[in-house]
Protein backbone atom coordinates (compact mmCIF):
# COMPACT_ATOMS: atom_id res chain seq x y z
CA UNK A 1 56.91 -4.17 151.55
CA UNK A 2 53.76 -2.23 150.76
CA UNK A 3 53.37 0.20 153.66
CA UNK A 4 53.42 3.39 151.59
CA UNK A 5 50.20 5.40 151.38
CA UNK A 6 50.26 8.57 149.31
CA UNK A 7 47.58 10.10 151.51
CA UNK A 8 50.31 11.03 154.02
CA UNK A 9 51.81 13.39 151.43
CA UNK A 10 48.74 14.54 149.48
CA UNK A 11 48.96 18.13 148.30
CA UNK A 12 52.54 18.74 149.49
CA UNK A 13 55.18 20.72 147.56
CA UNK A 14 56.11 17.65 145.50
CA UNK A 15 52.48 17.18 144.44
CA UNK A 16 52.31 20.84 143.44
CA UNK A 17 55.28 20.52 141.09
CA UNK A 18 54.10 17.18 139.73
CA UNK A 19 50.55 18.30 139.04
CA UNK A 20 51.45 21.69 137.58
CA UNK A 21 53.65 19.87 135.04
CA UNK A 22 51.19 17.01 134.46
CA UNK A 23 48.22 19.28 133.89
CA UNK A 24 50.07 21.49 131.42
CA UNK A 25 51.44 18.43 129.63
CA UNK A 26 47.92 17.03 129.20
CA UNK A 27 46.58 20.40 128.04
CA UNK A 28 49.06 20.22 125.16
CA UNK A 29 48.40 16.57 124.40
CA UNK A 30 44.64 17.08 124.18
CA UNK A 31 44.97 19.97 121.72
CA UNK A 32 44.96 17.39 118.90
CA UNK A 33 41.78 15.49 118.08
CA UNK A 34 43.30 12.00 118.02
CA UNK A 35 42.54 9.87 121.12
CA UNK A 36 45.13 9.59 123.89
CA UNK A 37 46.00 6.82 126.34
CA UNK A 38 47.09 7.87 129.84
CA UNK A 39 48.86 5.24 131.95
CA UNK A 40 49.54 5.82 135.66
CA UNK A 41 51.86 3.12 137.00
CA UNK A 42 51.33 3.93 140.71
CA UNK A 43 47.95 5.64 140.88
CA UNK A 44 47.21 5.59 144.61
CA UNK A 45 43.66 6.13 145.85
CA UNK A 46 42.66 8.76 143.29
CA UNK A 47 41.75 11.57 145.69
CA UNK A 48 42.28 12.39 149.36
CA UNK A 49 40.54 14.06 152.27
CA UNK A 50 42.74 16.69 153.90
CA UNK A 51 40.58 16.83 157.03
CA UNK A 52 40.70 13.20 158.14
CA UNK A 53 42.92 10.14 157.81
CA UNK A 54 46.51 10.07 156.61
CA UNK A 55 46.67 13.57 155.10
CA UNK A 56 45.47 15.21 158.31
CA UNK A 57 48.17 13.57 160.45
CA UNK A 58 51.20 15.35 159.02
CA UNK A 59 49.27 18.06 157.14
CA UNK A 60 51.95 18.13 154.43
CA UNK A 61 49.50 19.98 152.18
CA UNK A 62 50.27 23.06 154.28
CA UNK A 63 53.72 23.07 152.62
CA UNK A 64 52.16 22.86 149.17
CA UNK A 65 48.69 23.61 147.86
CA UNK A 66 47.74 25.59 151.00
CA UNK A 67 50.47 28.13 150.23
CA UNK A 68 48.83 28.83 146.86
CA UNK A 69 45.19 28.57 147.87
CA UNK A 70 44.41 32.23 148.60
CA UNK A 71 47.08 33.97 146.54
CA UNK A 72 46.02 36.41 143.82
CA UNK A 73 49.31 36.55 141.90
CA UNK A 74 49.31 33.04 140.44
CA UNK A 75 51.00 32.62 137.04
CA UNK A 76 48.70 31.18 134.36
CA UNK A 77 49.93 27.58 134.65
CA UNK A 78 49.72 27.60 138.45
CA UNK A 79 46.31 29.28 138.34
CA UNK A 80 45.05 26.52 136.02
CA UNK A 81 46.24 23.90 138.50
CA UNK A 82 44.74 25.66 141.54
CA UNK A 83 41.44 26.09 139.66
CA UNK A 84 41.34 22.34 139.08
CA UNK A 85 41.84 21.69 142.81
CA UNK A 86 39.15 24.30 143.59
CA UNK A 87 36.69 22.31 141.50
CA UNK A 88 37.01 19.54 144.11
CA UNK A 89 36.27 22.00 146.93
CA UNK A 90 32.96 23.59 146.03
CA UNK A 91 32.60 25.65 149.24
CA UNK A 92 35.94 27.39 148.70
CA UNK A 93 37.64 25.72 151.66
CA UNK A 94 40.59 23.39 151.06
CA UNK A 95 39.21 20.05 152.19
CA UNK A 96 40.08 17.56 149.44
CA UNK A 97 42.97 17.00 147.06
CA UNK A 98 42.85 15.23 143.68
CA UNK A 99 45.62 12.73 143.03
CA UNK A 100 47.24 12.25 139.64
CA UNK A 101 44.44 9.99 138.31
CA UNK A 102 41.84 12.66 139.08
CA UNK A 103 43.99 15.42 137.62
CA UNK A 104 44.32 13.38 134.44
CA UNK A 105 40.66 12.34 134.29
CA UNK A 106 39.60 15.97 134.64
CA UNK A 107 41.97 17.18 131.93
CA UNK A 108 41.30 14.40 129.43
CA UNK A 109 38.37 14.10 127.01
CA UNK A 110 35.64 11.52 126.45
CA UNK A 111 37.61 9.89 123.61
CA UNK A 112 40.72 9.46 125.78
CA UNK A 113 41.37 6.42 127.93
CA UNK A 114 42.98 6.00 131.37
CA UNK A 115 44.70 2.85 132.60
CA UNK A 116 45.42 3.12 136.31
CA UNK A 117 47.66 0.63 138.14
CA UNK A 118 47.91 0.28 141.91
CA UNK A 119 49.50 -2.68 143.71
CA UNK A 120 48.51 -1.80 147.30
CA UNK A 121 45.25 -3.72 147.88
CA UNK A 122 43.60 -1.04 150.03
CA UNK A 123 44.60 1.77 147.68
CA UNK A 124 43.46 -0.13 144.58
CA UNK A 125 40.07 -0.72 146.22
CA UNK A 126 39.69 2.99 146.95
CA UNK A 127 40.80 3.77 143.39
CA UNK A 128 38.17 1.44 141.95
CA UNK A 129 35.51 3.09 144.11
CA UNK A 130 36.70 6.54 143.01
CA UNK A 131 36.11 5.66 139.36
CA UNK A 132 33.19 3.26 139.68
CA UNK A 133 30.95 5.49 137.53
CA UNK A 134 33.57 6.30 134.89
CA UNK A 135 32.57 3.49 132.54
CA UNK A 136 34.94 1.99 130.01
CA UNK A 137 36.93 5.22 129.75
CA UNK A 138 38.82 4.36 132.96
CA UNK A 139 40.30 0.95 133.66
CA UNK A 140 41.61 0.30 137.18
CA UNK A 141 44.22 -2.47 137.35
CA UNK A 142 45.04 -3.86 140.84
CA UNK A 143 48.61 -4.81 140.03
CA UNK A 144 52.21 -3.82 139.41
CA UNK A 145 52.41 -0.74 137.23
CA UNK A 146 55.95 -1.52 136.13
CA UNK A 147 54.62 -4.71 134.59
CA UNK A 148 51.65 -2.75 133.29
CA UNK A 149 53.86 -0.79 130.92
CA UNK A 150 54.44 -3.94 128.94
CA UNK A 151 50.71 -4.71 128.85
CA UNK A 152 49.62 -1.17 127.95
CA UNK A 153 52.07 -0.15 125.24
CA UNK A 154 51.93 0.67 122.44
CA UNK A 155 48.41 2.14 122.42
CA UNK A 156 46.18 1.60 119.40
CA UNK A 157 45.97 5.35 118.83
CA UNK A 158 49.80 5.63 118.86
CA UNK A 159 49.45 8.58 121.24
CA UNK A 160 50.09 8.19 124.92
CA UNK A 161 51.37 9.64 128.20
CA UNK A 162 52.87 7.38 130.87
CA UNK A 163 53.27 8.69 134.42
CA UNK A 164 55.86 6.71 136.41
CA UNK A 165 55.59 7.69 140.05
CA UNK A 166 56.43 4.91 142.55
CA UNK A 167 56.88 5.36 146.29
CA UNK A 168 60.68 4.92 146.25
CA UNK A 169 60.37 3.34 149.68
CA UNK A 170 62.47 0.40 148.46
CA UNK A 171 65.90 0.65 146.83
CA UNK A 172 64.63 -1.60 144.05
CA UNK A 173 62.19 1.15 142.96
CA UNK A 174 65.11 3.25 141.71
CA UNK A 175 66.31 0.45 139.44
CA UNK A 176 62.77 -0.38 138.38
CA UNK A 177 62.06 3.21 137.27
CA UNK A 178 65.06 3.23 134.94
CA UNK A 179 64.13 -0.19 133.58
CA UNK A 180 60.51 0.91 133.05
CA UNK A 181 61.59 4.01 131.15
CA UNK A 182 63.87 1.90 128.96
CA UNK A 183 61.12 -0.65 128.31
CA UNK A 184 58.63 2.05 127.43
CA UNK A 185 61.01 3.56 124.90
CA UNK A 186 61.56 0.13 123.34
CA UNK A 187 57.84 -0.60 123.01
CA UNK A 188 56.62 2.92 122.19
CA UNK A 189 59.46 5.24 121.26
CA UNK A 190 57.22 8.19 120.34
CA UNK A 191 55.28 8.12 123.61
CA UNK A 192 55.60 10.82 126.26
CA UNK A 193 56.93 9.63 129.62
CA UNK A 194 56.81 11.63 132.84
CA UNK A 195 58.93 10.34 135.74
CA UNK A 196 58.64 11.88 139.21
CA UNK A 197 61.37 11.29 141.81
CA UNK A 198 62.13 12.53 145.36
CA UNK A 199 65.11 14.62 146.41
CA UNK A 200 66.56 12.74 149.39
CA UNK A 201 70.00 12.66 150.97
CA UNK A 202 70.55 9.03 150.03
CA UNK A 203 72.78 7.58 147.33
CA UNK A 204 70.02 6.10 145.15
CA UNK A 205 68.17 9.40 145.02
CA UNK A 206 71.28 11.46 144.27
CA UNK A 207 72.30 9.15 141.42
CA UNK A 208 68.87 8.70 139.85
CA UNK A 209 68.53 11.98 137.86
CA UNK A 210 71.67 11.33 135.80
CA UNK A 211 70.59 7.73 135.16
CA UNK A 212 67.19 8.91 133.96
CA UNK A 213 68.69 11.50 131.62
CA UNK A 214 71.03 8.90 130.12
CA UNK A 215 68.09 6.56 129.59
CA UNK A 216 65.91 9.27 128.00
CA UNK A 217 67.75 9.10 124.71
CA UNK A 218 65.93 11.81 122.72
CA UNK A 219 64.21 15.04 123.69
CA UNK A 220 63.58 15.66 127.37
CA UNK A 221 62.61 18.26 129.96
CA UNK A 222 64.25 17.87 133.37
CA UNK A 223 63.34 20.04 136.36
CA UNK A 224 63.94 19.86 140.10
CA UNK A 225 62.54 21.98 142.90
CA UNK A 226 64.30 22.07 146.27
CA UNK A 227 62.27 23.74 149.02
CA UNK A 228 64.74 23.46 151.91
CA UNK A 229 68.23 22.33 152.81
CA UNK A 230 68.76 18.54 152.86
CA UNK A 231 68.33 16.95 156.28
CA UNK A 232 71.02 14.92 158.04
CA UNK A 233 69.04 11.68 157.75
CA UNK A 234 68.49 9.92 154.42
CA UNK A 235 64.71 10.10 154.39
CA UNK A 236 63.66 13.72 154.84
CA UNK A 237 62.20 15.00 151.57
CA UNK A 238 63.76 18.34 150.64
CA UNK A 239 62.30 18.56 147.15
CA UNK A 240 61.45 16.61 144.03
CA UNK A 241 62.27 16.31 140.36
CA UNK A 242 60.56 15.46 137.10
CA UNK A 243 61.86 14.13 133.80
CA UNK A 244 59.55 14.37 130.79
CA UNK A 245 60.69 12.40 127.75
CA UNK A 246 59.35 13.60 124.39
CA UNK A 247 57.69 16.72 125.86
CA UNK A 248 55.44 18.95 123.73
CA UNK A 249 57.74 21.58 122.31
CA UNK A 250 56.21 24.55 124.18
CA UNK A 251 56.19 22.82 127.57
CA UNK A 252 59.83 23.43 128.62
CA UNK A 253 59.62 27.20 128.21
CA UNK A 254 56.30 27.36 130.06
CA UNK A 255 57.58 25.34 133.01
CA UNK A 256 60.84 27.30 133.16
CA UNK A 257 58.83 30.51 133.48
CA UNK A 258 56.95 29.34 136.62
CA UNK A 259 59.84 27.67 138.48
CA UNK A 260 61.10 30.91 140.11
CA UNK A 261 57.60 31.60 141.43
CA UNK A 262 57.20 28.09 142.85
CA UNK A 263 60.65 28.17 144.42
CA UNK A 264 59.82 31.48 146.11
CA UNK A 265 56.32 30.64 147.34
CA UNK A 266 57.06 27.06 148.44
CA UNK A 267 60.43 27.86 150.06
CA UNK A 268 60.90 26.58 153.60
CA UNK A 269 64.34 28.11 154.11
CA UNK A 270 67.02 30.04 152.23
CA UNK A 271 68.29 26.88 150.49
CA UNK A 272 65.22 26.78 148.22
CA UNK A 273 66.20 26.63 144.54
CA UNK A 274 65.29 25.08 141.21
CA UNK A 275 67.17 23.35 138.39
CA UNK A 276 66.16 23.28 134.75
CA UNK A 277 67.56 21.33 131.82
CA UNK A 278 66.12 20.65 128.38
CA UNK A 279 67.19 18.87 125.22
CA UNK A 280 65.20 19.52 122.07
CA UNK A 281 66.73 18.24 118.86
């Protein structure tokens, strides 16, 4: 089943958390001169209109980036993220949102390479169009990103970031994420892996964080942001979480410092909260 389109959720609270962490992670990784490979296993369309199409139907961005758009008290990391989104909205109005591939492409340098996987045929076509002028720096792969980990790793430069961010619309995605993280560690143990997952009131989602932490093995950063109380059904998204394996050593402290702000600003009810865990040997 390939019905999922990220455009429905573009710019929501989960995207805010994901892209604040991703952008700061890449800022650290690009501080060294050596080239970097960025792999996105489920890249989506690359960027999204918030005025038309899927994003306009549910307007989930109103629960995320829109809550930050005109604030003047943004912490440094959040301000950096909002500034990146502003660069895609030249007139100052929030009309377009960059997906993870665009966030990464903006943060990375000319010597870095991006390998973007997308299995959905329509999304992969839009992704290819998005990066049609990027040259050899960006390679769009219309295929399964879980399989792409095997094809992409280890990178020649021995430096890489892998973003694992499937739709989780199928129960098999939960198993596949754990297997992909394990495979990545086997092929490229020193790589940095960033796994995003949804907070849902369903068994697979509740059990996944502990499975990911067990699979991580070495150093990790694990955060979760809940913006409202869980719903009675199994599909209402009440937050999201991120596991970063082999994070840059300053990243955990920086992310911990902004979590209270994000939990406060993005809160939808009094159940909003955050969780933070780190292991640095």
